[in-house]
């Protein structure tokens, strides 16, 4: 799969699993995204897809890389719907 396609799929999954915050932006916890069965089947390298989407300013999250367990409570914020 190409990166642009995976980022598009990531946006769809964040919209499916996330909720709107006070500013009207969709956010989801990394742990929710990582543990979801559908996401596990779609993304071979979820962390890599997240980093690519962050570089394209489609999402934002604290830090450079997210790791399962350690960063499960980190919010991933969708910047572009």
C-alpha atoms as a PDB file:
ATOM      1  CA  UNK A   1       0.000   0.000   0.000  1.00  0.00           C
ATOM      2  CA  UNK A   2       1.143   3.533  -0.569  1.00  0.00           C
ATOM      3  CA  UNK A   3       1.480   5.988   2.278  1.00  0.00           C
ATOM      4  CA  UNK A   4      -1.221   8.384   1.060  1.00  0.00           C
ATOM      5  CA  UNK A   5      -3.759   5.545   0.956  1.00  0.00           C
ATOM      6  CA  UNK A   6      -2.818   4.344   4.450  1.00  0.00           C
ATOM      7  CA  UNK A   7      -3.123   7.889   5.823  1.00  0.00           C
ATOM      8  CA  UNK A   8      -6.611   8.144   4.285  1.00  0.00           C
ATOM      9  CA  UNK A   9      -7.568   4.861   5.970  1.00  0.00           C
ATOM     10  CA  UNK A  10      -6.112   6.141   9.249  1.00  0.00           C
ATOM     11  CA  UNK A  11      -8.314   9.255   9.098  1.00  0.00           C
ATOM     12  CA  UNK A  12     -11.374   7.031   8.575  1.00  0.00           C
ATOM     13  CA  UNK A  13     -10.452   4.851  11.557  1.00  0.00           C
ATOM     14  CA  UNK A  14      -9.846   7.852  13.821  1.00  0.00           C
ATOM     15  CA  UNK A  15     -13.281   9.185  12.836  1.00  0.00           C
ATOM     16  CA  UNK A  16     -14.847   5.772  13.539  1.00  0.00           C
ATOM     17  CA  UNK A  17     -13.203   5.231  16.938  1.00  0.00           C
ATOM     18  CA  UNK A  18     -12.755   8.796  18.143  1.00  0.00           C
ATOM     19  CA  UNK A  19     -15.003  11.428  19.627  1.00  0.00           C
ATOM     20  CA  UNK A  20     -15.304  15.193  19.217  1.00  0.00           C
ATOM     21  CA  UNK A  21     -13.572  17.365  21.783  1.00  0.00           C
ATOM     22  CA  UNK A  22     -14.699  20.805  22.979  1.00  0.00           C
ATOM     23  CA  UNK A  23     -13.144  22.435  19.891  1.00  0.00           C
ATOM     24  CA  UNK A  24     -15.042  20.116  17.545  1.00  0.00           C
ATOM     25  CA  UNK A  25     -11.950  18.163  16.567  1.00  0.00           C
ATOM     26  CA  UNK A  26     -11.953  14.374  16.574  1.00  0.00           C
ATOM     27  CA  UNK A  27      -9.512  12.643  18.912  1.00  0.00           C
ATOM     28  CA  UNK A  28      -8.798   9.065  19.915  1.00  0.00           C
ATOM     29  CA  UNK A  29      -6.456   7.500  22.447  1.00  0.00           C
ATOM     30  CA  UNK A  30      -3.491   5.628  20.951  1.00  0.00           C
ATOM     31  CA  UNK A  31      -4.366   2.532  22.992  1.00  0.00           C
ATOM     32  CA  UNK A  32      -7.890   2.429  21.515  1.00  0.00           C
ATOM     33  CA  UNK A  33      -6.512   2.673  17.984  1.00  0.00           C
ATOM     34  CA  UNK A  34      -3.759   0.126  18.627  1.00  0.00           C
ATOM     35  CA  UNK A  35      -6.033  -2.462  20.267  1.00  0.00           C
ATOM     36  CA  UNK A  36      -8.812  -2.254  17.663  1.00  0.00           C
ATOM     37  CA  UNK A  37      -9.073  -5.480  15.629  1.00  0.00           C
ATOM     38  CA  UNK A  38     -10.023  -3.708  12.418  1.00  0.00           C
ATOM     39  CA  UNK A  39      -7.020  -1.380  12.673  1.00  0.00           C
ATOM     40  CA  UNK A  40      -4.749  -4.331  13.371  1.00  0.00           C
ATOM     41  CA  UNK A  41      -5.920  -5.932  10.129  1.00  0.00           C
ATOM     42  CA  UNK A  42      -5.602  -2.744   8.063  1.00  0.00           C
ATOM     43  CA  UNK A  43      -2.274  -1.345   9.231  1.00  0.00           C
ATOM     44  CA  UNK A  44       0.866  -3.420   8.998  1.00  0.00           C
ATOM     45  CA  UNK A  45       2.842  -0.630  10.671  1.00  0.00           C
ATOM     46  CA  UNK A  46       0.421   1.614  12.569  1.00  0.00           C
ATOM     47  CA  UNK A  47       3.185   3.634  14.236  1.00  0.00           C
ATOM     48  CA  UNK A  48       4.786   4.371  10.863  1.00  0.00           C
ATOM     49  CA  UNK A  49       1.451   5.464   9.412  1.00  0.00           C
ATOM     50  CA  UNK A  50       0.875   7.731  12.421  1.00  0.00           C
ATOM     51  CA  UNK A  51       4.307   9.331  11.957  1.00  0.00           C
ATOM     52  CA  UNK A  52       3.656   9.886   8.237  1.00  0.00           C
ATOM     53  CA  UNK A  53       0.272  11.492   8.972  1.00  0.00           C
ATOM     54  CA  UNK A  54       1.874  13.715  11.603  1.00  0.00           C
ATOM     55  CA  UNK A  55       4.563  14.864   9.155  1.00  0.00           C
ATOM     56  CA  UNK A  56       1.788  15.769   6.689  1.00  0.00           C
ATOM     57  CA  UNK A  57       0.048  17.735   9.498  1.00  0.00           C
ATOM     58  CA  UNK A  58      -3.110  15.602   9.235  1.00  0.00           C
ATOM     59  CA  UNK A  59      -2.906  14.509  12.879  1.00  0.00           C
ATOM     60  CA  UNK A  60      -1.028  15.637  15.970  1.00  0.00           C
ATOM     61  CA  UNK A  61       0.138  13.918  19.123  1.00  0.00           C
ATOM     62  CA  UNK A  62       2.767  14.540  21.781  1.00  0.00           C
ATOM     63  CA  UNK A  63       6.231  13.184  21.111  1.00  0.00           C
ATOM     64  CA  UNK A  64       7.829  11.659  18.036  1.00  0.00           C
ATOM     65  CA  UNK A  65       6.765   8.029  18.338  1.00  0.00           C
ATOM     66  CA  UNK A  66       4.051   6.184  20.225  1.00  0.00           C
ATOM     67  CA  UNK A  67       4.652   2.805  21.868  1.00  0.00           C
ATOM     68  CA  UNK A  68       2.033   0.328  23.027  1.00  0.00           C
ATOM     69  CA  UNK A  69       1.529   0.316  26.780  1.00  0.00           C
ATOM     70  CA  UNK A  70       3.658   3.378  27.487  1.00  0.00           C
ATOM     71  CA  UNK A  71       1.599   5.788  25.361  1.00  0.00           C
ATOM     72  CA  UNK A  72      -1.864   4.186  25.454  1.00  0.00           C
ATOM     73  CA  UNK A  73      -3.395   7.337  27.007  1.00  0.00           C
ATOM     74  CA  UNK A  74      -1.896   9.776  24.477  1.00  0.00           C
ATOM     75  CA  UNK A  75      -4.516  11.633  22.438  1.00  0.00           C
ATOM     76  CA  UNK A  76      -4.234  11.562  18.660  1.00  0.00           C
ATOM     77  CA  UNK A  77      -5.948  14.666  17.330  1.00  0.00           C
ATOM     78  CA  UNK A  78      -7.327  14.794  13.803  1.00  0.00           C
ATOM     79  CA  UNK A  79      -6.400  18.164  12.278  1.00  0.00           C
ATOM     80  CA  UNK A  80      -7.996  17.582   8.868  1.00  0.00           C
ATOM     81  CA  UNK A  81     -11.387  15.877   8.626  1.00  0.00           C
END
